[in-house]
């Protein structure tokens, strides 16, 4: 049994690839921003405890 939707995927292969790449870039950017905000919160807590 052949899947009829594969012809649609073949027609729009580059747009699908672009969508996947943009989704991965978005995921990496969000992970980076969460890491950066965690670092700022940790640094603020250390400075607050140290009383600087």
PDB file of N, CA and C in Angstrom:
ATOM      1  N   UNK A   1       0.840  -1.185   0.000  1.00  0.00           N
ATOM      2  CA  UNK A   1       0.000   0.000   0.000  1.00  0.00           C
ATOM      3  C   UNK A   1       0.882   1.244   0.000  1.00  0.00           C
ATOM      4  N   UNK A   2       0.658   2.109  -0.927  1.00  0.00           N
ATOM      5  CA  UNK A   2       1.446   3.344  -1.024  1.00  0.00           C
ATOM      6  C   UNK A   2       0.748   4.459  -0.269  1.00  0.00           C
ATOM      7  N   UNK A   3       1.558   5.299   0.325  1.00  0.00           N
ATOM      8  CA  UNK A   3       1.011   6.434   1.063  1.00  0.00           C
ATOM      9  C   UNK A   3       0.837   7.611   0.106  1.00  0.00           C
ATOM     10  N   UNK A   4      -0.381   8.116  -0.045  1.00  0.00           N
ATOM     11  CA  UNK A   4      -0.601   9.207  -1.011  1.00  0.00           C
ATOM     12  C   UNK A   4      -0.001  10.539  -0.576  1.00  0.00           C
ATOM     13  N   UNK A   5       0.263  10.703   0.707  1.00  0.00           N
ATOM     14  CA  UNK A   5       0.783  11.987   1.181  1.00  0.00           C
ATOM     15  C   UNK A   5       2.273  12.159   0.893  1.00  0.00           C
ATOM     16  N   UNK A   6       2.971  11.099   0.509  1.00  0.00           N
ATOM     17  CA  UNK A   6       4.396  11.226   0.204  1.00  0.00           C
ATOM     18  C   UNK A   6       4.632  12.110  -1.018  1.00  0.00           C
ATOM     19  N   UNK A   7       3.704  12.101  -1.948  1.00  0.00           N
ATOM     20  CA  UNK A   7       3.840  12.975  -3.121  1.00  0.00           C
ATOM     21  C   UNK A   7       3.781  14.443  -2.705  1.00  0.00           C
ATOM     22  N   UNK A   8       2.973  14.753  -1.702  1.00  0.00           N
ATOM     23  CA  UNK A   8       2.913  16.131  -1.200  1.00  0.00           C
ATOM     24  C   UNK A   8       4.225  16.518  -0.541  1.00  0.00           C
ATOM     25  N   UNK A   9       4.813  15.593   0.190  1.00  0.00           N
ATOM     26  CA  UNK A   9       6.092  15.878   0.845  1.00  0.00           C
ATOM     27  C   UNK A   9       7.191  16.107  -0.181  1.00  0.00           C
ATOM     28  N   UNK A  10       7.186  15.323  -1.244  1.00  0.00           N
ATOM     29  CA  UNK A  10       8.212  15.477  -2.278  1.00  0.00           C
ATOM     30  C   UNK A  10       8.082  16.825  -2.979  1.00  0.00           C
ATOM     31  N   UNK A  11       6.862  17.298  -3.133  1.00  0.00           N
ATOM     32  CA  UNK A  11       6.637  18.567  -3.801  1.00  0.00           C
ATOM     33  C   UNK A  11       7.170  19.747  -2.998  1.00  0.00           C
ATOM     34  N   UNK A  12       7.104  19.635  -1.697  1.00  0.00           N
ATOM     35  CA  UNK A  12       7.480  20.746  -0.821  1.00  0.00           C
ATOM     36  C   UNK A  12       8.658  20.378   0.074  1.00  0.00           C
ATOM     37  N   UNK A  13       9.609  19.659  -0.496  1.00  0.00           N
ATOM     38  CA  UNK A  13      10.733  19.155   0.292  1.00  0.00           C
ATOM     39  C   UNK A  13      11.546  20.287   0.912  1.00  0.00           C
ATOM     40  N   UNK A  14      11.820  21.340   0.153  1.00  0.00           N
ATOM     41  CA  UNK A  14      12.668  22.425   0.663  1.00  0.00           C
ATOM     42  C   UNK A  14      11.957  23.237   1.734  1.00  0.00           C
ATOM     43  N   UNK A  15      10.672  23.429   1.586  1.00  0.00           N
ATOM     44  CA  UNK A  15       9.924  24.165   2.607  1.00  0.00           C
ATOM     45  C   UNK A  15       9.840  23.356   3.902  1.00  0.00           C
ATOM     46  N   UNK A  16       9.680  22.050   3.787  1.00  0.00           N
ATOM     47  CA  UNK A  16       9.676  21.203   4.977  1.00  0.00           C
ATOM     48  C   UNK A  16      11.035  21.232   5.662  1.00  0.00           C
ATOM     49  N   UNK A  17      12.091  21.187   4.887  1.00  0.00           N
ATOM     50  CA  UNK A  17      13.439  21.246   5.447  1.00  0.00           C
ATOM     51  C   UNK A  17      13.676  22.588   6.130  1.00  0.00           C
ATOM     52  N   UNK A  18      13.231  23.666   5.511  1.00  0.00           N
ATOM     53  CA  UNK A  18      13.352  24.990   6.120  1.00  0.00           C
ATOM     54  C   UNK A  18      12.577  25.057   7.435  1.00  0.00           C
ATOM     55  N   UNK A  19      11.401  24.476   7.476  1.00  0.00           N
ATOM     56  CA  UNK A  19      10.606  24.451   8.701  1.00  0.00           C
ATOM     57  C   UNK A  19      11.291  23.692   9.815  1.00  0.00           C
ATOM     58  N   UNK A  20      11.906  22.562   9.488  1.00  0.00           N
ATOM     59  CA  UNK A  20      12.616  21.775  10.494  1.00  0.00           C
ATOM     60  C   UNK A  20      13.834  22.537  11.008  1.00  0.00           C
ATOM     61  N   UNK A  21      14.578  23.161  10.109  1.00  0.00           N
ATOM     62  CA  UNK A  21      15.761  23.930  10.514  1.00  0.00           C
ATOM     63  C   UNK A  21      15.357  25.097  11.408  1.00  0.00           C
ATOM     64  N   UNK A  22      14.302  25.813  11.045  1.00  0.00           N
ATOM     65  CA  UNK A  22      13.844  26.930  11.868  1.00  0.00           C
ATOM     66  C   UNK A  22      13.330  26.460  13.225  1.00  0.00           C
ATOM     67  N   UNK A  23      12.701  25.297  13.271  1.00  0.00           N
ATOM     68  CA  UNK A  23      12.240  24.756  14.552  1.00  0.00           C
ATOM     69  C   UNK A  23      13.423  24.418  15.454  1.00  0.00           C
ATOM     70  N   UNK A  24      14.485  23.857  14.880  1.00  0.00           N
ATOM     71  CA  UNK A  24      15.678  23.525  15.667  1.00  0.00           C
ATOM     72  C   UNK A  24      16.367  24.793  16.156  1.00  0.00           C
ATOM     73  N   UNK A  25      16.452  25.814  15.299  1.00  0.00           N
ATOM     74  CA  UNK A  25      17.056  27.089  15.711  1.00  0.00           C
ATOM     75  C   UNK A  25      16.254  27.712  16.848  1.00  0.00           C
ATOM     76  N   UNK A  26      14.932  27.658  16.755  1.00  0.00           N
ATOM     77  CA  UNK A  26      14.079  28.194  17.812  1.00  0.00           C
ATOM     78  C   UNK A  26      14.279  27.440  19.112  1.00  0.00           C
ATOM     79  N   UNK A  27      14.378  26.130  19.030  1.00  0.00           N
ATOM     80  CA  UNK A  27      14.606  25.313  20.221  1.00  0.00           C
ATOM     81  C   UNK A  27      15.936  25.658  20.873  1.00  0.00           C
ATOM     82  N   UNK A  28      16.992  25.777  20.083  1.00  0.00           N
ATOM     83  CA  UNK A  28      18.306  26.104  20.632  1.00  0.00           C
ATOM     84  C   UNK A  28      18.333  27.505  21.223  1.00  0.00           C
ATOM     85  N   UNK A  29      17.642  28.449  20.595  1.00  0.00           N
ATOM     86  CA  UNK A  29      17.589  29.810  21.130  1.00  0.00           C
ATOM     87  C   UNK A  29      16.859  29.846  22.463  1.00  0.00           C
ATOM     88  N   UNK A  30      15.782  29.095  22.583  1.00  0.00           N
ATOM     89  CA  UNK A  30      15.046  29.094  23.848  1.00  0.00           C
ATOM     90  C   UNK A  30      15.852  28.431  24.952  1.00  0.00           C
ATOM     91  N   UNK A  31      16.580  27.382  24.637  1.00  0.00           N
ATOM     92  CA  UNK A  31      17.444  26.744  25.636  1.00  0.00           C
ATOM     93  C   UNK A  31      18.541  27.706  26.061  1.00  0.00           C
ATOM     94  N   UNK A  32      19.119  28.422  25.115  1.00  0.00           N
ATOM     95  CA  UNK A  32      20.156  29.398  25.440  1.00  0.00           C
ATOM     96  C   UNK A  32      19.636  30.522  26.319  1.00  0.00           C
ATOM     97  N   UNK A  33      18.435  31.019  26.029  1.00  0.00           N
ATOM     98  CA  UNK A  33      17.867  32.091  26.842  1.00  0.00           C
ATOM     99  C   UNK A  33      17.534  31.607  28.249  1.00  0.00           C
ATOM    100  N   UNK A  34      17.036  30.392  28.378  1.00  0.00           N
ATOM    101  CA  UNK A  34      16.766  29.848  29.710  1.00  0.00           C
ATOM    102  C   UNK A  34      18.054  29.665  30.498  1.00  0.00           C
ATOM    103  N   UNK A  35      19.108  29.238  29.835  1.00  0.00           N
ATOM    104  CA  UNK A  35      20.403  29.086  30.496  1.00  0.00           C
ATOM    105  C   UNK A  35      20.930  30.436  30.957  1.00  0.00           C
ATOM    106  N   UNK A  36      20.825  31.439  30.109  1.00  0.00           N
ATOM    107  CA  UNK A  36      21.299  32.774  30.454  1.00  0.00           C
ATOM    108  C   UNK A  36      20.515  33.363  31.624  1.00  0.00           C
ATOM    109  N   UNK A  37      19.203  33.196  31.618  1.00  0.00           N
ATOM    110  CA  UNK A  37      18.408  33.739  32.724  1.00  0.00           C
ATOM    111  C   UNK A  37      18.708  32.994  34.017  1.00  0.00           C
ATOM    112  N   UNK A  38      18.951  31.698  33.952  1.00  0.00           N
ATOM    113  CA  UNK A  38      19.346  30.948  35.143  1.00  0.00           C
ATOM    114  C   UNK A  38      20.681  31.413  35.684  1.00  0.00           C
ATOM    115  N   UNK A  39      21.591  31.737  34.785  1.00  0.00           N
ATOM    116  CA  UNK A  39      22.899  32.232  35.217  1.00  0.00           C
ATOM    117  C   UNK A  39      22.755  33.587  35.909  1.00  0.00           C
ATOM    118  N   UNK A  40      21.922  34.462  35.342  1.00  0.00           N
ATOM    119  CA  UNK A  40      21.693  35.768  35.977  1.00  0.00           C
ATOM    120  C   UNK A  40      21.054  35.612  37.349  1.00  0.00           C
ATOM    121  N   UNK A  41      20.087  34.733  37.477  1.00  0.00           N
ATOM    122  CA  UNK A  41      19.443  34.518  38.775  1.00  0.00           C
ATOM    123  C   UNK A  41      20.431  33.965  39.788  1.00  0.00           C
ATOM    124  N   UNK A  42      21.255  33.027  39.376  1.00  0.00           N
ATOM    125  CA  UNK A  42      22.260  32.463  40.284  1.00  0.00           C
ATOM    126  C   UNK A  42      23.274  33.518  40.700  1.00  0.00           C
ATOM    127  N   UNK A  43      23.726  34.325  39.767  1.00  0.00           N
ATOM    128  CA  UNK A  43      24.694  35.377  40.087  1.00  0.00           C
ATOM    129  C   UNK A  43      24.078  36.405  41.031  1.00  0.00           C
ATOM    130  N   UNK A  44      22.821  36.744  40.825  1.00  0.00           N
ATOM    131  CA  UNK A  44      22.153  37.694  41.717  1.00  0.00           C
ATOM    132  C   UNK A  44      21.998  37.115  43.114  1.00  0.00           C
ATOM    133  N   UNK A  45      21.697  35.835  43.213  1.00  0.00           N
ATOM    134  CA  UNK A  45      21.565  35.200  44.521  1.00  0.00           C
ATOM    135  C   UNK A  45      22.902  35.167  45.248  1.00  0.00           C
ATOM    136  N   UNK A  46      23.977  34.866  44.540  1.00  0.00           N
ATOM    137  CA  UNK A  46      25.304  34.831  45.161  1.00  0.00           C
ATOM    138  C   UNK A  46      25.693  36.222  45.648  1.00  0.00           C
ATOM    139  N   UNK A  47      25.433  37.235  44.839  1.00  0.00           N
ATOM    140  CA  UNK A  47      25.756  38.607  45.238  1.00  0.00           C
ATOM    141  C   UNK A  47      24.895  39.025  46.432  1.00  0.00           C
ATOM    142  N   UNK A  48      23.636  38.614  46.442  1.00  0.00           N
ATOM    143  CA  UNK A  48      22.764  38.952  47.559  1.00  0.00           C
ATOM    144  C   UNK A  48      23.195  38.298  48.853  1.00  0.00           C
ATOM    145  N   UNK A  49      23.616  37.046  48.789  1.00  0.00           N
ATOM    146  CA  UNK A  49      24.070  36.330  49.984  1.00  0.00           C
ATOM    147  C   UNK A  49      25.399  36.897  50.463  1.00  0.00           C
ATOM    148  N   UNK A  50      26.271  37.250  49.532  1.00  0.00           N
ATOM    149  CA  UNK A  50      27.584  37.780  49.900  1.00  0.00           C
ATOM    150  C   UNK A  50      27.482  39.204  50.436  1.00  0.00           C
ATOM    151  N   UNK A  51      26.411  39.893  50.142  1.00  0.00           N
ATOM    152  CA  UNK A  51      26.217  41.245  50.641  1.00  0.00           C
ATOM    153  C   UNK A  51      27.055  42.282  49.928  1.00  0.00           C
ATOM    154  N   UNK A  52      27.381  42.012  48.690  1.00  0.00           N
ATOM    155  CA  UNK A  52      28.215  42.956  47.924  1.00  0.00           C
ATOM    156  C   UNK A  52      27.337  44.055  47.364  1.00  0.00           C
TER     157      UNK A  52
END
